């Protein structure tokens, strides 16, 4: 079972993703903003950070950067409608982070999580 921290400010998207990943057998803790997600990263160890990029306050890129500093072994997947931002060469995204562009099917997110964790 993969322990996943999900950070997504859209309530319906967060509920949708958390439910699908739980049904796939993963242990999910979900948060509506980057600040509370970072507090969780400071308290616990997660196998995977699954985060939206555009969130008010602490955005997903900064959350991932800080999370990678706390635990360099944690895998990171961004879920975003703004993939070009995450993929730009000047973007401070952690090395090895993956990007899954919205919209996507639940099957795709579950497959991507499985693929990232198997790597």
Protein backbone atom coordinates (compact mmCIF):
# COMPACT_ATOMS: atom_id res chain seq x y z
CA UNK A 1 0.00 0.00 0.00
CA UNK A 2 1.38 3.38 -1.05
CA UNK A 3 1.05 6.23 1.46
CA UNK A 4 0.05 9.31 -0.56
CA UNK A 5 -0.33 12.94 0.42
CA UNK A 6 -2.83 14.62 -1.92
CA UNK A 7 -2.88 18.43 -2.07
CA UNK A 8 -5.70 19.86 -4.23
CA UNK A 9 -7.65 23.05 -3.55
CA UNK A 10 -10.68 22.05 -5.65
CA UNK A 11 -12.94 20.16 -3.22
CA UNK A 12 -14.71 18.02 -5.82
CA UNK A 13 -11.45 17.09 -7.60
CA UNK A 14 -9.76 16.25 -4.27
CA UNK A 15 -12.68 14.06 -3.18
CA UNK A 16 -12.80 12.37 -6.60
CA UNK A 17 -9.05 11.61 -6.62
CA UNK A 18 -8.88 10.48 -2.98
CA UNK A 19 -11.81 8.12 -3.48
CA UNK A 20 -10.34 6.57 -6.64
CA UNK A 21 -6.92 6.08 -5.08
CA UNK A 22 -8.41 4.55 -1.93
CA UNK A 23 -10.41 2.11 -4.06
CA UNK A 24 -7.13 1.19 -5.78
CA UNK A 25 -5.71 0.23 -2.36
CA UNK A 26 -3.65 3.30 -1.47
CA UNK A 27 -3.49 5.07 1.91
CA UNK A 28 -4.50 8.70 1.21
CA UNK A 29 -4.31 11.83 3.32
CA UNK A 30 -5.82 14.77 1.47
CA UNK A 31 -5.48 18.49 2.09
CA UNK A 32 -7.14 21.55 0.57
CA UNK A 33 -4.06 23.79 0.58
CA UNK A 34 -0.30 23.74 0.47
CA UNK A 35 0.22 25.04 3.99
CA UNK A 36 -1.62 22.21 5.75
CA UNK A 37 -0.11 19.68 3.33
CA UNK A 38 3.38 20.94 4.25
CA UNK A 39 2.57 20.54 7.96
CA UNK A 40 1.67 16.90 7.26
CA UNK A 41 4.95 16.40 5.36
CA UNK A 42 6.81 17.79 8.36
CA UNK A 43 5.08 15.29 10.72
CA UNK A 44 4.96 12.11 8.62
CA UNK A 45 6.75 10.22 5.87
CA UNK A 46 4.88 9.69 2.61
CA UNK A 47 5.80 7.55 -0.38
CA UNK A 48 4.25 9.99 -2.85
CA UNK A 49 3.22 13.63 -3.00
CA UNK A 50 0.38 14.16 -5.48
CA UNK A 51 -0.22 17.89 -5.78
CA UNK A 52 -1.96 20.46 -7.91
CA UNK A 53 0.39 23.22 -9.04
CA UNK A 54 -1.92 26.23 -8.87
CA UNK A 55 -3.23 26.67 -5.33
CA UNK A 56 -3.69 29.82 -3.25
CA UNK A 57 -0.96 30.49 -0.70
CA UNK A 58 1.74 27.86 -0.90
CA UNK A 59 1.56 26.53 -4.47
CA UNK A 60 2.29 22.97 -5.52
CA UNK A 61 5.76 23.68 -6.89
CA UNK A 62 6.92 25.22 -3.61
CA UNK A 63 5.20 22.43 -1.66
CA UNK A 64 7.04 19.84 -3.75
CA UNK A 65 10.36 21.66 -3.38
CA UNK A 66 10.03 21.77 0.40
CA UNK A 67 8.76 18.20 0.52
CA UNK A 68 11.78 17.02 -1.49
CA UNK A 69 14.08 18.79 0.98
CA UNK A 70 12.38 17.01 3.90
CA UNK A 71 12.42 13.61 2.17
CA UNK A 72 14.49 13.26 -1.01
CA UNK A 73 13.19 9.69 -1.48
CA UNK A 74 9.55 10.80 -1.73
CA UNK A 75 8.17 10.63 -5.27
CA UNK A 76 6.29 13.62 -6.69
CA UNK A 77 3.51 13.85 -9.25
CA UNK A 78 1.92 17.14 -10.26
CA UNK A 79 -1.69 17.22 -11.39
CA UNK A 80 -2.40 20.39 -13.29
CA UNK A 81 -4.06 22.15 -16.14
CA UNK A 82 -0.85 24.16 -16.52
CA UNK A 83 1.67 21.49 -17.52
CA UNK A 84 3.77 23.96 -19.51
CA UNK A 85 4.59 25.83 -16.28
CA UNK A 86 5.75 22.67 -14.52
CA UNK A 87 7.74 21.48 -17.50
CA UNK A 88 9.54 24.74 -18.31
CA UNK A 89 13.29 24.60 -17.88
CA UNK A 90 13.31 27.59 -15.52
CA UNK A 91 10.74 26.08 -13.20
CA UNK A 92 12.11 25.06 -9.77
CA UNK A 93 10.43 21.64 -9.77
CA UNK A 94 12.25 18.82 -7.97
CA UNK A 95 14.25 16.46 -10.18
CA UNK A 96 12.30 13.42 -11.29
CA UNK A 97 8.87 14.95 -10.67
CA UNK A 98 6.17 13.78 -13.08
CA UNK A 99 3.32 15.84 -14.49
CA UNK A 100 -0.19 14.58 -15.25
CA UNK A 101 -2.25 17.12 -17.20
CA UNK A 102 -5.90 17.75 -16.47
CA UNK A 103 -8.34 16.58 -17.60
CA UNK A 104 -7.56 12.92 -17.03
CA UNK A 105 -9.51 9.75 -16.32
CA UNK A 106 -9.35 8.08 -12.92
CA UNK A 107 -7.73 5.08 -14.58
CA UNK A 108 -4.88 7.33 -15.75
CA UNK A 109 -4.14 8.70 -12.28
CA UNK A 110 -4.15 5.22 -10.74
CA UNK A 111 -1.89 3.93 -13.54
CA UNK A 112 0.49 6.88 -13.16
CA UNK A 113 0.75 6.38 -9.39
CA UNK A 114 1.47 2.67 -9.91
CA UNK A 115 4.07 3.46 -12.60
CA UNK A 116 5.84 6.10 -10.49
CA UNK A 117 5.96 3.84 -7.44
CA UNK A 118 7.31 0.92 -9.49
CA UNK A 119 10.16 3.04 -10.91
